[in-house]
N, C-alpha and C. Protein backbone atom coordinates (compact mmCIF):
# COMPACT_ATOMS: atom_id res chain seq x y z
N MET A 1 0.85 -1.18 0.00
CA MET A 1 0.00 0.00 0.00
C MET A 1 0.89 1.24 0.00
N SER A 2 0.65 2.17 -0.88
CA SER A 2 1.47 3.38 -0.94
C SER A 2 0.86 4.48 -0.09
N ARG A 3 1.72 5.37 0.38
CA ARG A 3 1.25 6.51 1.16
C ARG A 3 0.70 7.57 0.21
N PRO A 4 -0.26 8.40 0.66
CA PRO A 4 -0.85 9.42 -0.20
C PRO A 4 0.16 10.44 -0.69
N ALA A 5 1.12 10.81 0.13
CA ALA A 5 2.15 11.76 -0.27
C ALA A 5 3.47 11.28 0.32
N GLU A 6 4.51 11.38 -0.47
CA GLU A 6 5.81 11.00 0.04
C GLU A 6 6.84 12.01 -0.45
N ALA A 7 7.78 12.32 0.43
CA ALA A 7 8.80 13.30 0.09
C ALA A 7 9.82 12.66 -0.84
N SER A 8 10.27 13.42 -1.81
CA SER A 8 11.33 12.92 -2.69
C SER A 8 12.66 13.06 -1.96
N ARG A 9 13.73 12.80 -2.63
CA ARG A 9 15.04 12.83 -1.99
C ARG A 9 15.51 14.24 -1.65
N ARG A 10 15.00 15.26 -2.31
CA ARG A 10 15.41 16.63 -2.03
C ARG A 10 14.47 17.25 -1.01
N LEU A 11 15.03 17.90 -0.01
CA LEU A 11 14.25 18.54 1.03
C LEU A 11 13.33 19.60 0.42
N GLY A 12 12.06 19.60 0.78
CA GLY A 12 11.11 20.60 0.32
C GLY A 12 10.29 20.17 -0.87
N ASP A 13 10.65 19.09 -1.53
CA ASP A 13 9.88 18.59 -2.67
C ASP A 13 8.81 17.64 -2.16
N VAL A 14 7.60 17.80 -2.67
CA VAL A 14 6.51 16.89 -2.32
C VAL A 14 5.92 16.37 -3.62
N VAL A 15 5.84 15.06 -3.72
CA VAL A 15 5.29 14.41 -4.91
C VAL A 15 4.08 13.61 -4.49
N VAL A 16 2.95 13.85 -5.17
CA VAL A 16 1.72 13.11 -4.91
C VAL A 16 1.27 12.52 -6.24
N GLN A 17 1.10 11.22 -6.27
CA GLN A 17 0.70 10.50 -7.47
C GLN A 17 1.56 10.89 -8.67
N GLY A 18 2.86 11.04 -8.44
CA GLY A 18 3.80 11.35 -9.50
C GLY A 18 3.87 12.82 -9.88
N GLU A 19 3.11 13.67 -9.24
CA GLU A 19 3.07 15.11 -9.56
C GLU A 19 3.86 15.89 -8.52
N ASP A 20 4.86 16.65 -8.96
CA ASP A 20 5.63 17.52 -8.07
C ASP A 20 4.75 18.73 -7.75
N LEU A 21 4.30 18.82 -6.50
CA LEU A 21 3.33 19.86 -6.13
C LEU A 21 3.93 21.27 -6.21
N GLY A 22 5.20 21.41 -5.93
CA GLY A 22 5.84 22.73 -6.06
C GLY A 22 5.81 23.23 -7.50
N ARG A 23 6.12 22.35 -8.43
CA ARG A 23 6.07 22.72 -9.85
C ARG A 23 4.64 23.00 -10.30
N TRP A 24 3.70 22.21 -9.79
CA TRP A 24 2.30 22.40 -10.16
C TRP A 24 1.80 23.76 -9.69
N VAL A 25 2.12 24.12 -8.43
CA VAL A 25 1.71 25.42 -7.89
C VAL A 25 2.32 26.55 -8.72
N THR A 26 3.60 26.43 -9.04
CA THR A 26 4.26 27.46 -9.85
C THR A 26 3.60 27.60 -11.21
N ALA A 27 3.26 26.48 -11.83
CA ALA A 27 2.60 26.52 -13.14
C ALA A 27 1.23 27.19 -13.05
N GLN A 28 0.49 26.94 -11.97
CA GLN A 28 -0.82 27.56 -11.81
C GLN A 28 -0.68 29.07 -11.65
N ARG A 29 0.29 29.50 -10.86
CA ARG A 29 0.49 30.92 -10.61
C ARG A 29 0.94 31.65 -11.88
N TYR A 30 1.85 31.04 -12.66
CA TYR A 30 2.32 31.69 -13.89
C TYR A 30 1.30 31.63 -15.01
N GLY A 31 0.41 30.65 -14.98
CA GLY A 31 -0.61 30.50 -16.02
C GLY A 31 -1.97 30.98 -15.55
N TRP A 32 -2.00 31.85 -14.57
CA TRP A 32 -3.24 32.31 -13.93
C TRP A 32 -4.28 32.78 -14.92
N GLU A 33 -3.88 33.55 -15.90
CA GLU A 33 -4.84 34.13 -16.86
C GLU A 33 -5.50 33.07 -17.74
N GLN A 34 -4.90 31.91 -17.86
CA GLN A 34 -5.50 30.83 -18.66
C GLN A 34 -6.51 30.01 -17.85
N LEU A 35 -6.52 30.20 -16.53
CA LEU A 35 -7.47 29.46 -15.69
C LEU A 35 -8.86 30.08 -15.78
N LEU A 36 -9.87 29.26 -15.63
CA LEU A 36 -11.24 29.75 -15.56
C LEU A 36 -11.44 30.48 -14.23
N PRO A 37 -12.37 31.42 -14.18
CA PRO A 37 -12.63 32.13 -12.91
C PRO A 37 -12.91 31.18 -11.74
N ALA A 38 -13.62 30.11 -11.99
CA ALA A 38 -13.91 29.15 -10.92
C ALA A 38 -12.63 28.49 -10.42
N GLN A 39 -11.71 28.17 -11.33
CA GLN A 39 -10.44 27.57 -10.94
C GLN A 39 -9.61 28.57 -10.12
N GLN A 40 -9.59 29.83 -10.54
CA GLN A 40 -8.88 30.86 -9.80
C GLN A 40 -9.46 30.99 -8.39
N TRP A 41 -10.78 30.99 -8.29
CA TRP A 41 -11.45 31.11 -7.00
C TRP A 41 -11.06 29.96 -6.08
N ILE A 42 -11.08 28.75 -6.60
CA ILE A 42 -10.74 27.58 -5.79
C ILE A 42 -9.30 27.68 -5.29
N LEU A 43 -8.38 28.05 -6.17
CA LEU A 43 -6.97 28.16 -5.76
C LEU A 43 -6.78 29.26 -4.72
N GLU A 44 -7.47 30.38 -4.90
CA GLU A 44 -7.37 31.48 -3.94
C GLU A 44 -7.95 31.12 -2.59
N ASN A 45 -9.12 30.51 -2.58
CA ASN A 45 -9.87 30.28 -1.35
C ASN A 45 -9.56 28.97 -0.63
N THR A 46 -8.95 28.03 -1.31
CA THR A 46 -8.60 26.79 -0.63
C THR A 46 -7.11 26.69 -0.33
N LEU A 47 -6.28 27.19 -1.25
CA LEU A 47 -4.83 27.08 -1.06
C LEU A 47 -4.15 28.42 -0.79
N GLY A 48 -4.90 29.52 -0.93
CA GLY A 48 -4.32 30.84 -0.69
C GLY A 48 -3.38 31.30 -1.80
N LEU A 49 -3.52 30.73 -2.99
CA LEU A 49 -2.65 31.09 -4.12
C LEU A 49 -3.18 32.32 -4.84
N GLN A 50 -2.26 33.03 -5.47
CA GLN A 50 -2.61 34.17 -6.31
C GLN A 50 -1.70 34.14 -7.53
N ALA A 51 -2.05 34.92 -8.53
CA ALA A 51 -1.23 35.01 -9.73
C ALA A 51 0.15 35.52 -9.36
N ALA A 52 1.16 35.05 -10.08
CA ALA A 52 2.52 35.55 -9.87
C ALA A 52 2.56 37.02 -10.28
N GLU A 53 3.32 37.80 -9.54
CA GLU A 53 3.45 39.22 -9.87
C GLU A 53 4.14 39.37 -11.22
N GLU A 54 3.80 40.43 -11.93
CA GLU A 54 4.34 40.67 -13.28
C GLU A 54 5.86 40.60 -13.31
N ASP A 55 6.51 41.24 -12.34
CA ASP A 55 7.96 41.31 -12.35
C ASP A 55 8.62 39.99 -11.96
N LYS A 56 7.85 39.01 -11.47
CA LYS A 56 8.40 37.72 -11.08
C LYS A 56 8.12 36.62 -12.08
N GLN A 57 7.37 36.94 -13.14
CA GLN A 57 7.06 35.94 -14.15
C GLN A 57 8.22 35.81 -15.13
N PRO A 58 8.47 34.59 -15.61
CA PRO A 58 9.54 34.41 -16.59
C PRO A 58 9.22 35.13 -17.89
N VAL A 59 10.24 35.50 -18.59
CA VAL A 59 10.06 36.24 -19.86
C VAL A 59 9.81 35.28 -20.98
């Protein structure tokens, strides 16, 4: 039986069902404008996420 979440070998990385949650969160923040309003609301109100600031987004 596998655990729901297990830490990878690097400190601070969390992988759930093969998905690196840190990378997923970063992708959601950088792709904020492509999300539907309902998706934005869920991320804001359940996880406290917001769009990445303009000056912090990759070029």
